[in-house]
Amino acid sequence: MKKIIFISLMLIITASSEVFAQFGVRAGANISNFQGFDFQSRIGMHLGAYYGYEFNSDFSIEPGIFYSQKGFKSNSLEIKENVNYLDIPVLVKYHFEDVFNVFAGPQGSLTLSRNYKEGDFNSKNTGVLRGYDLAAVIGAGVKLPYDLNVQLSYDLGLLSLNYFDQNVKNRVFKISVGKSF
């Protein structure tokens, strides 16, 4: 019954407002580390798609799905920890003057794969960390000509990854370029 009421309310809200939806793709660089470890940040990438729903000129919601590379490294110990995720953010955006925006929202992530290297040793075992993550995302963006956009964001991991039974969390700074269609 709750689901029926929720779906009905969403349909009423959607039908009563002038909703503008826009599909887009986005890619960029990740600078990530595990909070709780004294290692260097790993540079990776993210790429994926989003679908923006503009409720009015001030607010929109933007769910997305992205492949994202996270982890850390240590040059002195010759360690590289590469963890690949499927990130699913749901961002609420506030727009200024149809050019600038700030956004925030939750992000669920599923672990896709892991590649740990320490000297000649290599492990792909994903059982040493939690298979999912939950983060809070905050950021700002700029709308450019030709339906391009640029954004900076920060993912603040909320759950312990239970990495080798250690309490560590993902921390990821992202810079992205997107194209809306």
C-alpha atoms as a PDB file:
ATOM      1  CA  MET A   1       0.000   0.000   0.000  1.00  0.00           C
ATOM      2  CA  LYS A   2       2.854   2.378   0.851  1.00  0.00           C
ATOM      3  CA  LYS A   3       4.407   1.746  -2.559  1.00  0.00           C
ATOM      4  CA  ILE A   4       1.141   2.558  -4.325  1.00  0.00           C
ATOM      5  CA  ILE A   5       0.763   5.819  -2.372  1.00  0.00           C
ATOM      6  CA  PHE A   6       4.394   6.765  -3.061  1.00  0.00           C
ATOM      7  CA  ILE A   7       4.106   6.042  -6.801  1.00  0.00           C
ATOM      8  CA  SER A   8       0.806   7.955  -6.983  1.00  0.00           C
ATOM      9  CA  LEU A   9       2.324  10.974  -5.258  1.00  0.00           C
ATOM     10  CA  MET A  10       5.333  10.929  -7.577  1.00  0.00           C
ATOM     11  CA  LEU A  11       3.051  10.763 -10.643  1.00  0.00           C
ATOM     12  CA  ILE A  12       0.931  13.655  -9.354  1.00  0.00           C
ATOM     13  CA  ILE A  13       3.992  15.783  -8.606  1.00  0.00           C
ATOM     14  CA  THR A  14       5.500  14.968 -11.983  1.00  0.00           C
ATOM     15  CA  ALA A  15       2.283  15.642 -13.872  1.00  0.00           C
ATOM     16  CA  SER A  16       1.609  18.921 -12.038  1.00  0.00           C
ATOM     17  CA  SER A  17       5.048  20.403 -12.657  1.00  0.00           C
ATOM     18  CA  GLU A  18       6.810  21.226 -15.867  1.00  0.00           C
ATOM     19  CA  VAL A  19       9.478  18.573 -15.786  1.00  0.00           C
ATOM     20  CA  PHE A  20      12.402  18.764 -18.162  1.00  0.00           C
ATOM     21  CA  ALA A  21      14.474  15.584 -18.442  1.00  0.00           C
ATOM     22  CA  GLN A  22      17.895  15.329 -20.010  1.00  0.00           C
ATOM     23  CA  PHE A  23      20.189  12.365 -20.611  1.00  0.00           C
ATOM     24  CA  GLY A  24      23.952  12.838 -20.477  1.00  0.00           C
ATOM     25  CA  VAL A  25      27.343  11.178 -20.249  1.00  0.00           C
ATOM     26  CA  ARG A  26      30.189  12.156 -17.953  1.00  0.00           C
ATOM     27  CA  ALA A  27      33.835  11.146 -17.506  1.00  0.00           C
ATOM     28  CA  GLY A  28      36.738  12.380 -15.482  1.00  0.00           C
ATOM     29  CA  ALA A  29      39.520  11.780 -12.990  1.00  0.00           C
ATOM     30  CA  ASN A  30      39.295  10.373  -9.454  1.00  0.00           C
ATOM     31  CA  ILE A  31      41.822  11.169  -6.765  1.00  0.00           C
ATOM     32  CA  SER A  32      41.076   8.599  -4.061  1.00  0.00           C
ATOM     33  CA  ASN A  33      42.415   7.280  -0.792  1.00  0.00           C
ATOM     34  CA  PHE A  34      41.242   5.290   2.215  1.00  0.00           C
ATOM     35  CA  GLN A  35      40.615   7.525   5.220  1.00  0.00           C
ATOM     36  CA  GLY A  36      42.351   5.868   8.129  1.00  0.00           C
ATOM     37  CA  PHE A  37      45.511   4.873   6.219  1.00  0.00           C
ATOM     38  CA  ASP A  38      48.648   6.954   5.796  1.00  0.00           C
ATOM     39  CA  PHE A  39      49.133   6.240   2.103  1.00  0.00           C
ATOM     40  CA  GLN A  40      49.186   8.339  -1.061  1.00  0.00           C
ATOM     41  CA  SER A  41      46.166   9.010  -3.212  1.00  0.00           C
ATOM     42  CA  ARG A  42      45.507   6.894  -6.262  1.00  0.00           C
ATOM     43  CA  ILE A  43      44.558   8.550  -9.521  1.00  0.00           C
ATOM     44  CA  GLY A  44      41.869   6.704 -11.437  1.00  0.00           C
ATOM     45  CA  MET A  45      38.920   7.539 -13.614  1.00  0.00           C
ATOM     46  CA  HIS A  46      35.157   7.410 -13.697  1.00  0.00           C
ATOM     47  CA  LEU A  47      32.731   7.304 -16.587  1.00  0.00           C
ATOM     48  CA  GLY A  48      29.044   6.761 -16.992  1.00  0.00           C
ATOM     49  CA  ALA A  49      25.656   8.267 -17.665  1.00  0.00           C
ATOM     50  CA  TYR A  50      23.109  10.423 -15.853  1.00  0.00           C
ATOM     51  CA  TYR A  51      19.528  11.483 -16.322  1.00  0.00           C
ATOM     52  CA  GLY A  52      18.575  14.926 -15.026  1.00  0.00           C
ATOM     53  CA  TYR A  53      15.021  15.878 -14.073  1.00  0.00           C
ATOM     54  CA  GLU A  54      14.568  19.645 -13.863  1.00  0.00           C
ATOM     55  CA  PHE A  55      11.552  20.473 -11.691  1.00  0.00           C
ATOM     56  CA  ASN A  56      11.904  24.236 -12.118  1.00  0.00           C
ATOM     57  CA  SER A  57      14.662  26.708 -12.933  1.00  0.00           C
ATOM     58  CA  ASP A  58      16.160  26.300  -9.445  1.00  0.00           C
ATOM     59  CA  PHE A  59      16.025  22.569  -8.609  1.00  0.00           C
ATOM     60  CA  SER A  60      16.721  19.295 -10.362  1.00  0.00           C
ATOM     61  CA  ILE A  61      17.451  15.715  -9.408  1.00  0.00           C
ATOM     62  CA  GLU A  62      20.101  13.677 -11.194  1.00  0.00           C
ATOM     63  CA  PRO A  63      20.431   9.916 -10.774  1.00  0.00           C
ATOM     64  CA  GLY A  64      23.330   8.257 -12.527  1.00  0.00           C
ATOM     65  CA  ILE A  65      25.382   5.112 -12.963  1.00  0.00           C
ATOM     66  CA  PHE A  66      29.178   5.206 -13.198  1.00  0.00           C
ATOM     67  CA  TYR A  67      32.166   2.895 -13.364  1.00  0.00           C
ATOM     68  CA  SER A  68      34.685   4.293 -10.866  1.00  0.00           C
ATOM     69  CA  GLN A  69      38.287   3.408  -9.967  1.00  0.00           C
ATOM     70  CA  LYS A  70      39.281   3.961  -6.328  1.00  0.00           C
ATOM     71  CA  GLY A  71      42.005   2.837  -3.928  1.00  0.00           C
ATOM     72  CA  PHE A  72      45.429   4.013  -2.722  1.00  0.00           C
ATOM     73  CA  LYS A  73      49.139   3.534  -3.323  1.00  0.00           C
ATOM     74  CA  SER A  74      52.440   3.651  -1.467  1.00  0.00           C
ATOM     75  CA  ASN A  75      55.586   4.255  -3.480  1.00  0.00           C
ATOM     76  CA  SER A  76      57.887   3.472  -0.548  1.00  0.00           C
ATOM     77  CA  LEU A  77      56.254   0.064   0.084  1.00  0.00           C
ATOM     78  CA  GLU A  78      55.523  -0.621  -3.603  1.00  0.00           C
ATOM     79  CA  ILE A  79      51.803  -1.115  -2.831  1.00  0.00           C
ATOM     80  CA  LYS A  80      48.953  -0.380  -5.226  1.00  0.00           C
ATOM     81  CA  GLU A  81      45.364  -1.091  -4.199  1.00  0.00           C
ATOM     82  CA  ASN A  82      42.916  -0.691  -7.098  1.00  0.00           C
ATOM     83  CA  VAL A  83      39.231  -1.229  -6.353  1.00  0.00           C
ATOM     84  CA  ASN A  84      36.658  -0.824  -9.122  1.00  0.00           C
ATOM     85  CA  TYR A  85      33.096   0.157  -8.227  1.00  0.00           C
ATOM     86  CA  LEU A  86      29.715   0.678  -9.823  1.00  0.00           C
ATOM     87  CA  ASP A  87      28.601   4.019  -8.331  1.00  0.00           C
ATOM     88  CA  ILE A  88      24.905   4.953  -8.288  1.00  0.00           C
ATOM     89  CA  PRO A  89      24.473   8.560  -7.101  1.00  0.00           C
ATOM     90  CA  VAL A  90      21.159  10.405  -6.691  1.00  0.00           C
ATOM     91  CA  LEU A  91      22.013  14.107  -6.585  1.00  0.00           C
ATOM     92  CA  VAL A  92      19.795  17.084  -5.826  1.00  0.00           C
ATOM     93  CA  LYS A  93      21.003  20.206  -7.620  1.00  0.00           C
ATOM     94  CA  TYR A  94      20.349  23.867  -6.925  1.00  0.00           C
ATOM     95  CA  HIS A  95      20.955  26.097  -9.976  1.00  0.00           C
ATOM     96  CA  PHE A  96      22.185  29.717  -9.985  1.00  0.00           C
ATOM     97  CA  GLU A  97      21.570  31.908 -13.035  1.00  0.00           C
ATOM     98  CA  ASP A  98      21.213  28.844 -15.316  1.00  0.00           C
ATOM     99  CA  VAL A  99      25.028  28.471 -15.358  1.00  0.00           C
ATOM    100  CA  PHE A 100      26.253  27.416 -11.894  1.00  0.00           C
ATOM    101  CA  ASN A 101      24.959  24.669  -9.631  1.00  0.00           C
ATOM    102  CA  VAL A 102      25.730  23.064  -6.307  1.00  0.00           C
ATOM    103  CA  PHE A 103      24.643  19.540  -5.492  1.00  0.00           C
ATOM    104  CA  ALA A 104      24.513  16.911  -2.788  1.00  0.00           C
ATOM    105  CA  GLY A 105      23.065  13.471  -2.317  1.00  0.00           C
ATOM    106  CA  PRO A 106      23.627   9.843  -1.441  1.00  0.00           C
ATOM    107  CA  GLN A 107      25.616   7.376  -3.498  1.00  0.00           C
ATOM    108  CA  GLY A 108      25.486   3.609  -3.306  1.00  0.00           C
ATOM    109  CA  SER A 109      28.436   1.646  -4.677  1.00  0.00           C
ATOM    110  CA  LEU A 110      28.963  -2.013  -5.496  1.00  0.00           C
ATOM    111  CA  THR A 111      32.447  -3.540  -5.599  1.00  0.00           C
ATOM    112  CA  LEU A 112      33.139  -4.926  -9.071  1.00  0.00           C
ATOM    113  CA  SER A 113      36.760  -6.020  -8.757  1.00  0.00           C
ATOM    114  CA  ARG A 114      39.990  -5.530  -6.856  1.00  0.00           C
ATOM    115  CA  ASN A 115      43.651  -5.688  -7.861  1.00  0.00           C
ATOM    116  CA  TYR A 116      46.227  -5.486  -5.067  1.00  0.00           C
ATOM    117  CA  LYS A 117      49.938  -5.375  -5.916  1.00  0.00           C
ATOM    118  CA  GLU A 118      52.814  -5.403  -3.460  1.00  0.00           C
ATOM    119  CA  GLY A 119      56.129  -5.916  -5.226  1.00  0.00           C
ATOM    120  CA  ASP A 120      55.735  -9.208  -7.113  1.00  0.00           C
ATOM    121  CA  PHE A 121      52.669 -10.294  -5.099  1.00  0.00           C
ATOM    122  CA  ASN A 122      49.255  -9.825  -6.758  1.00  0.00           C
ATOM    123  CA  SER A 123      45.768 -10.525  -5.345  1.00  0.00           C
ATOM    124  CA  LYS A 124      42.296 -10.071  -6.831  1.00  0.00           C
ATOM    125  CA  ASN A 125      40.423 -11.325  -3.737  1.00  0.00           C
ATOM    126  CA  THR A 126      37.442  -9.033  -3.036  1.00  0.00           C
ATOM    127  CA  GLY A 127      36.638 -10.841   0.228  1.00  0.00           C
ATOM    128  CA  VAL A 128      39.023  -8.599   2.179  1.00  0.00           C
ATOM    129  CA  LEU A 129      36.639  -5.634   1.962  1.00  0.00           C
ATOM    130  CA  ARG A 130      32.929  -4.929   2.144  1.00  0.00           C
ATOM    131  CA  GLY A 131      31.186  -5.613  -1.173  1.00  0.00           C
ATOM    132  CA  TYR A 132      29.326  -2.308  -1.123  1.00  0.00           C
ATOM    133  CA  ASP A 133      29.739   1.274   0.058  1.00  0.00           C
ATOM    134  CA  LEU A 134      27.501   4.215   0.883  1.00  0.00           C
ATOM    135  CA  ALA A 135      28.733   7.781   0.475  1.00  0.00           C
ATOM    136  CA  ALA A 136      27.582  11.364   0.720  1.00  0.00           C
ATOM    137  CA  VAL A 137      28.419  13.374  -2.392  1.00  0.00           C
ATOM    138  CA  ILE A 138      28.815  17.168  -2.476  1.00  0.00           C
ATOM    139  CA  GLY A 139      29.983  19.355  -5.309  1.00  0.00           C
ATOM    140  CA  ALA A 140      29.575  22.233  -7.719  1.00  0.00           C
ATOM    141  CA  GLY A 141      29.211  22.490 -11.461  1.00  0.00           C
ATOM    142  CA  VAL A 142      29.210  24.879 -14.397  1.00  0.00           C
ATOM    143  CA  LYS A 143      27.043  24.638 -17.499  1.00  0.00           C
ATOM    144  CA  LEU A 144      29.005  25.432 -20.679  1.00  0.00           C
ATOM    145  CA  PRO A 145      27.964  26.089 -24.287  1.00  0.00           C
ATOM    146  CA  TYR A 146      27.083  23.157 -26.576  1.00  0.00           C
ATOM    147  CA  ASP A 147      25.400  21.275 -23.685  1.00  0.00           C
ATOM    148  CA  LEU A 148      28.756  20.622 -21.998  1.00  0.00           C
ATOM    149  CA  ASN A 149      29.273  20.784 -18.238  1.00  0.00           C
ATOM    150  CA  VAL A 150      32.147  20.610 -15.780  1.00  0.00           C
ATOM    151  CA  GLN A 151      31.879  19.621 -12.148  1.00  0.00           C
ATOM    152  CA  LEU A 152      34.006  19.104  -9.048  1.00  0.00           C
ATOM    153  CA  SER A 153      32.758  16.746  -6.361  1.00  0.00           C
ATOM    154  CA  TYR A 154      33.814  14.949  -3.215  1.00  0.00           C
ATOM    155  CA  ASP A 155      32.615  11.503  -2.136  1.00  0.00           C
ATOM    156  CA  LEU A 156      32.680  11.051   1.614  1.00  0.00           C
ATOM    157  CA  GLY A 157      32.411   7.331   2.424  1.00  0.00           C
ATOM    158  CA  LEU A 158      30.000   6.716   5.293  1.00  0.00           C
ATOM    159  CA  LEU A 159      30.576   2.993   5.885  1.00  0.00           C
ATOM    160  CA  SER A 160      33.694   1.213   6.998  1.00  0.00           C
ATOM    161  CA  LEU A 161      35.057  -0.887   4.151  1.00  0.00           C
ATOM    162  CA  ASN A 162      36.158  -3.432   6.758  1.00  0.00           C
ATOM    163  CA  TYR A 163      39.397  -3.634   4.779  1.00  0.00           C
ATOM    164  CA  PHE A 164      41.362  -6.489   6.366  1.00  0.00           C
ATOM    165  CA  ASP A 165      39.181  -5.858   9.450  1.00  0.00           C
ATOM    166  CA  GLN A 166      40.333  -2.208   9.562  1.00  0.00           C
ATOM    167  CA  ASN A 167      37.941   0.732   9.910  1.00  0.00           C
ATOM    168  CA  VAL A 168      38.710   2.667   6.709  1.00  0.00           C
ATOM    169  CA  LYS A 169      36.429   4.677   4.427  1.00  0.00           C
ATOM    170  CA  ASN A 170      36.627   5.819   0.815  1.00  0.00           C
ATOM    171  CA  ARG A 171      37.496   9.452   0.163  1.00  0.00           C
ATOM    172  CA  VAL A 172      37.311  10.527  -3.490  1.00  0.00           C
ATOM    173  CA  PHE A 173      37.800  13.914  -5.149  1.00  0.00           C
ATOM    174  CA  LYS A 174      36.430  14.012  -8.726  1.00  0.00           C
ATOM    175  CA  ILE A 175      36.740  16.383 -11.637  1.00  0.00           C
ATOM    176  CA  SER A 176      34.393  15.633 -14.539  1.00  0.00           C
ATOM    177  CA  VAL A 177      33.374  16.784 -17.995  1.00  0.00           C
ATOM    178  CA  GLY A 178      29.884  15.938 -19.220  1.00  0.00           C
ATOM    179  CA  LYS A 179      27.743  16.247 -22.321  1.00  0.00           C
ATOM    180  CA  SER A 180      23.933  16.466 -22.211  1.00  0.00           C
ATOM    181  CA  PHE A 181      21.716  15.370 -25.094  1.00  0.00           C
END
